Amino acid sequence: MKINNILEFIYPNRCPLCDCLLEHGIKVCDACRMQILYVREPCCFRCGKEVFDEETEYCKDCMDREWNYIKGFPAINYIDPLPHSLARFKYKNCRQYASFYADEILRSKGRQILAVSPDVFVPVPVHRKRKRKRGYNQAELLARALGKRLHIPVDTEILCRNINTMPQKELGQKLRTINLSKAFQPGKKIVEYNKVMLVDDIYTTGATIDTCAAVLKRCGCKEIYYTSVCIGKL
């Protein structure tokens, strides 16, 4: 028996969204593929969230706020079946999902990302204690999968998370910003990139991405963008 067949027997191919068994070579089941709601135009000119009509330039979150990043490229709306899938990716050691989600980001926003022509992908870092406990940083897995596909380097040393903050999902907008205000710092390696593409799994209020962008600007990076698997709908 070939090694690939043995691995498939031990670790059968499963749908990253519903966890059902899949045939060899299939990345997602047909039922889940039909449920994926990609972010479509018209979108907010800043965060990339869907807006109601083409006359609306900015969503309500971006209308009266200055961000440290220029523009976002989220791929999929954060609705079922994505929440449970991303939770398994983030907390249940389903690292193999990174390949699928990188493909979905490029399916939805690959053209826009290439148009930006980023010098580097920078994953949103996690605190070393959390990474040690979890065993990985899901944003780093995504960034590396994207970098491999687009032949763009990944820098995991320019940013670090020096405070192990409370989970953001438990906080409101104002508390999220306070929670993150001193969490991120410049890392060991300082490179003044021209264009940086931050990478994360979910964009909610924007506090995490914006705080990271502010640190990168202090490091001398000129233009900061972001991409994510999901973004919350209005």
Protein backbone atom coordinates (compact mmCIF):
# COMPACT_ATOMS: atom_id res chain seq x y z
CA MET A 1 0.00 0.00 0.00
CA LYS A 2 1.37 3.44 -0.94
CA ILE A 3 2.18 5.92 1.82
CA ASN A 4 -0.51 8.34 0.59
CA ASN A 5 -3.16 5.62 0.79
CA ILE A 6 -2.03 4.72 4.30
CA LEU A 7 -2.24 8.36 5.40
CA GLU A 8 -5.72 8.70 3.89
CA PHE A 9 -6.82 5.59 5.77
CA ILE A 10 -5.47 6.92 9.08
CA TYR A 11 -6.46 10.53 8.45
CA PRO A 12 -9.46 10.45 6.09
CA ASN A 13 -10.21 13.54 4.05
CA ARG A 14 -12.98 15.59 5.69
CA CYS A 15 -14.94 18.67 4.69
CA PRO A 16 -13.47 21.68 6.52
CA LEU A 17 -16.95 23.14 7.00
CA CYS A 18 -19.18 20.25 8.11
CA ASP A 19 -16.52 17.60 8.87
CA CYS A 20 -18.16 14.93 6.70
CA LEU A 21 -15.97 12.38 4.91
CA LEU A 22 -14.84 13.35 1.41
CA GLU A 23 -13.53 11.45 -1.57
CA HIS A 24 -9.88 11.82 -2.50
CA GLY A 25 -9.10 15.15 -4.18
CA ILE A 26 -12.30 16.87 -3.00
CA LYS A 27 -11.69 19.86 -0.69
CA VAL A 28 -15.24 20.72 0.39
CA CYS A 29 -18.58 18.96 0.07
CA ASP A 30 -21.13 20.23 -2.45
CA ALA A 31 -23.67 21.14 0.24
CA CYS A 32 -21.19 23.37 2.09
CA ARG A 33 -19.85 24.90 -1.11
CA MET A 34 -23.38 26.12 -1.82
CA GLN A 35 -23.55 27.77 1.62
CA ILE A 36 -20.35 29.81 1.34
CA LEU A 37 -21.39 33.44 1.04
CA TYR A 38 -18.45 35.32 -0.45
CA VAL A 39 -18.08 39.03 0.19
CA ARG A 40 -19.51 40.75 -2.89
CA GLU A 41 -19.63 44.30 -4.17
CA PRO A 42 -20.67 46.88 -3.14
CA CYS A 43 -18.19 46.91 -0.26
CA CYS A 44 -16.90 49.44 2.22
CA PHE A 45 -13.94 51.27 0.70
CA ARG A 46 -11.97 50.74 3.92
CA CYS A 47 -12.66 47.44 5.71
CA GLY A 48 -14.15 45.60 2.74
CA LYS A 49 -17.41 44.70 4.47
CA GLU A 50 -20.51 44.48 2.29
CA VAL A 51 -22.68 47.62 2.27
CA PHE A 52 -26.28 48.11 1.21
CA ASP A 53 -25.87 50.01 -2.06
CA GLU A 54 -23.29 51.45 -4.44
CA GLU A 55 -23.87 54.97 -3.13
CA THR A 56 -22.53 53.97 0.30
CA GLU A 57 -18.75 54.39 0.38
CA TYR A 58 -18.10 53.38 4.00
CA CYS A 59 -19.84 51.07 6.46
CA LYS A 60 -21.05 52.49 9.76
CA ASP A 61 -17.91 51.23 11.54
CA CYS A 62 -15.58 53.07 9.15
CA MET A 63 -17.64 56.19 8.42
CA ASP A 64 -16.45 58.25 11.39
CA ARG A 65 -13.19 56.53 12.24
CA GLU A 66 -9.61 56.89 11.03
CA TRP A 67 -7.81 53.58 10.58
CA ASN A 68 -4.09 52.88 10.47
CA TYR A 69 -4.55 50.51 7.54
CA ILE A 70 -5.50 51.52 4.00
CA LYS A 71 -7.89 48.81 2.85
CA GLY A 72 -9.10 45.31 3.68
CA PHE A 73 -9.80 42.25 1.57
CA PRO A 74 -11.97 39.83 3.58
CA ALA A 75 -13.11 36.80 1.62
CA ILE A 76 -16.27 35.34 3.16
CA ASN A 77 -19.16 36.59 5.30
CA TYR A 78 -19.04 35.21 8.83
CA ILE A 79 -22.22 33.13 8.82
CA ASP A 80 -22.94 29.40 9.09
CA PRO A 81 -21.18 27.10 8.46
CA LEU A 82 -18.04 29.23 8.91
CA PRO A 83 -18.08 29.90 12.70
CA HIS A 84 -17.83 26.24 13.75
CA SER A 85 -15.23 25.52 11.07
CA LEU A 86 -13.01 28.43 12.09
CA ALA A 87 -13.32 27.41 15.74
CA ARG A 88 -11.98 23.94 14.86
CA PHE A 89 -9.21 25.54 12.80
CA LYS A 90 -8.25 27.82 15.67
CA TYR A 91 -8.76 25.63 18.75
CA LYS A 92 -9.05 21.98 17.68
CA ASN A 93 -5.74 21.47 15.85
CA CYS A 94 -7.35 21.37 12.39
CA ARG A 95 -4.27 22.91 10.81
CA GLN A 96 -5.06 21.32 7.45
CA TYR A 97 -7.87 23.86 7.00
CA ALA A 98 -5.27 26.55 6.22
CA SER A 99 -4.86 25.26 2.68
CA PHE A 100 -8.60 25.39 2.00
CA TYR A 101 -9.01 28.85 3.49
CA ALA A 102 -6.03 30.25 1.59
CA ASP A 103 -7.63 28.98 -1.62
CA GLU A 104 -10.93 30.64 -0.65
CA ILE A 105 -9.21 33.97 0.05
CA LEU A 106 -7.61 33.84 -3.39
CA ARG A 107 -10.84 32.72 -5.04
CA SER A 108 -12.64 35.73 -3.57
CA LYS A 109 -9.94 38.43 -3.31
CA GLY A 110 -6.87 37.14 -5.12
CA ARG A 111 -7.07 39.69 -7.92
CA GLN A 112 -7.25 42.61 -5.47
CA ILE A 113 -4.38 41.26 -3.37
CA LEU A 114 -2.21 40.88 -6.46
CA ALA A 115 -3.12 44.42 -7.53
CA VAL A 116 -1.76 45.73 -4.21
CA SER A 117 1.44 43.74 -4.85
CA PRO A 118 2.45 43.41 -1.18
CA ASP A 119 6.11 43.00 -0.28
CA VAL A 120 5.24 40.61 2.51
CA PHE A 121 2.48 38.82 4.38
CA VAL A 122 2.50 39.45 8.15
CA PRO A 123 0.28 37.18 10.28
CA VAL A 124 -1.37 38.68 13.35
CA PRO A 125 0.73 37.20 16.16
CA VAL A 126 -0.51 35.31 19.21
CA HIS A 127 1.15 35.42 22.62
CA ARG A 128 3.86 32.79 23.12
CA LYS A 129 1.91 31.14 25.96
CA ARG A 130 -1.18 30.78 23.81
CA LYS A 131 0.86 29.50 20.89
CA ARG A 132 2.62 27.00 23.15
CA LYS A 133 -0.71 25.73 24.47
CA ARG A 134 -2.38 25.60 21.04
CA GLY A 135 0.73 24.46 19.20
CA TYR A 136 0.41 26.91 16.32
CA ASN A 137 -0.85 30.32 15.20
CA GLN A 138 -3.71 29.92 12.74
CA ALA A 139 -2.96 33.31 11.14
CA GLU A 140 0.61 32.22 10.48
CA LEU A 141 -0.60 29.01 8.81
CA LEU A 142 -2.85 31.12 6.57
CA ALA A 143 -0.09 33.57 5.74
CA ARG A 144 2.31 30.78 4.81
CA ALA A 145 -0.29 29.09 2.62
CA LEU A 146 -0.97 32.40 0.84
CA GLY A 147 2.72 33.16 0.52
CA LYS A 148 3.39 29.76 -1.02
CA ARG A 149 0.66 30.24 -3.60
CA LEU A 150 1.62 33.81 -4.55
CA HIS A 151 5.40 33.50 -4.05
CA ILE A 152 5.36 36.32 -1.50
CA PRO A 153 7.52 36.07 1.66
CA VAL A 154 6.06 35.81 5.16
CA ASP A 155 7.52 37.77 8.09
CA THR A 156 6.70 36.45 11.57
CA GLU A 157 9.33 38.52 13.37
CA ILE A 158 8.37 42.14 12.68
CA LEU A 159 5.40 41.96 15.10
CA CYS A 160 5.09 40.31 18.49
CA ARG A 161 2.32 40.01 21.05
CA ASN A 162 3.81 40.73 24.45
CA ILE A 163 0.60 40.73 26.51
CA ASN A 164 -1.67 37.69 26.70
CA THR A 165 -4.97 39.56 26.47
CA MET A 166 -8.50 38.36 27.14
CA PRO A 167 -10.24 36.75 24.14
CA GLN A 168 -11.62 39.55 21.97
CA LYS A 169 -14.91 37.76 21.35
CA GLU A 170 -15.85 38.37 25.00
CA LEU A 171 -15.53 42.18 24.73
CA GLY A 172 -17.33 45.10 23.08
CA GLN A 173 -15.78 47.60 20.68
CA LYS A 174 -14.42 50.04 23.28
CA LEU A 175 -13.06 47.32 25.55
CA ARG A 176 -11.48 45.54 22.59
CA THR A 177 -9.45 48.64 21.77
CA ILE A 178 -8.37 49.08 25.39
CA ASN A 179 -7.59 45.37 25.66
CA LEU A 180 -5.21 45.58 22.68
CA SER A 181 -3.73 49.04 23.25
CA LYS A 182 -0.36 47.71 24.46
CA ALA A 183 -0.61 44.09 23.39
CA PHE A 184 1.42 44.35 20.18
CA GLN A 185 4.99 45.61 19.88
CA PRO A 186 7.75 45.66 17.25
CA GLY A 187 9.50 42.31 17.05
CA LYS A 188 13.14 41.35 16.84
CA LYS A 189 13.48 42.20 13.15
CA ILE A 190 12.61 45.68 11.91
CA VAL A 191 12.18 46.03 8.14
CA GLU A 192 10.70 49.15 6.56
CA TYR A 193 8.49 47.44 4.01
CA ASN A 194 6.68 49.54 1.45
CA LYS A 195 3.49 47.43 1.35
CA VAL A 196 2.41 44.98 4.06
CA MET A 197 -0.56 42.61 3.93
CA LEU A 198 -1.68 41.61 7.43
CA VAL A 199 -3.36 38.20 7.65
CA ASP A 200 -5.93 37.00 10.19
CA ASP A 201 -8.77 34.49 10.35
CA ILE A 202 -11.65 36.82 11.30
CA TYR A 203 -12.18 40.59 11.13
CA THR A 204 -14.81 41.75 13.61
CA THR A 205 -14.51 45.31 14.94
CA GLY A 206 -11.12 45.96 13.36
CA ALA A 207 -9.35 46.62 16.68
CA THR A 208 -6.76 43.86 16.22
CA ILE A 209 -5.86 44.73 12.63
CA ASP A 210 -5.72 48.45 13.37
CA THR A 211 -3.48 48.03 16.42
CA CYS A 212 -1.10 45.84 14.40
CA ALA A 213 -1.13 48.38 11.56
CA ALA A 214 -0.22 51.18 13.99
CA VAL A 215 2.82 49.22 15.21
CA LEU A 216 3.92 48.47 11.64
CA LYS A 217 3.68 52.17 10.78
CA ARG A 218 5.89 52.97 13.78
CA CYS A 219 8.36 50.45 12.37
CA GLY A 220 8.52 52.47 9.14
CA CYS A 221 6.19 50.43 6.93
CA LYS A 222 4.48 52.70 4.42
CA GLU A 223 1.20 51.08 3.36
CA ILE A 224 -0.72 48.54 5.45
CA TYR A 225 -3.53 46.35 4.09
CA TYR A 226 -5.18 43.23 5.45
CA THR A 227 -6.89 40.08 4.31
CA SER A 228 -8.92 37.59 6.33
CA VAL A 229 -10.98 34.48 5.81
CA CYS A 230 -14.13 36.09 7.22
CA ILE A 231 -15.73 39.38 8.17
CA GLY A 232 -18.95 40.02 10.09
CA LYS A 233 -21.95 41.23 8.10
CA LEU A 234 -23.76 44.50 8.81
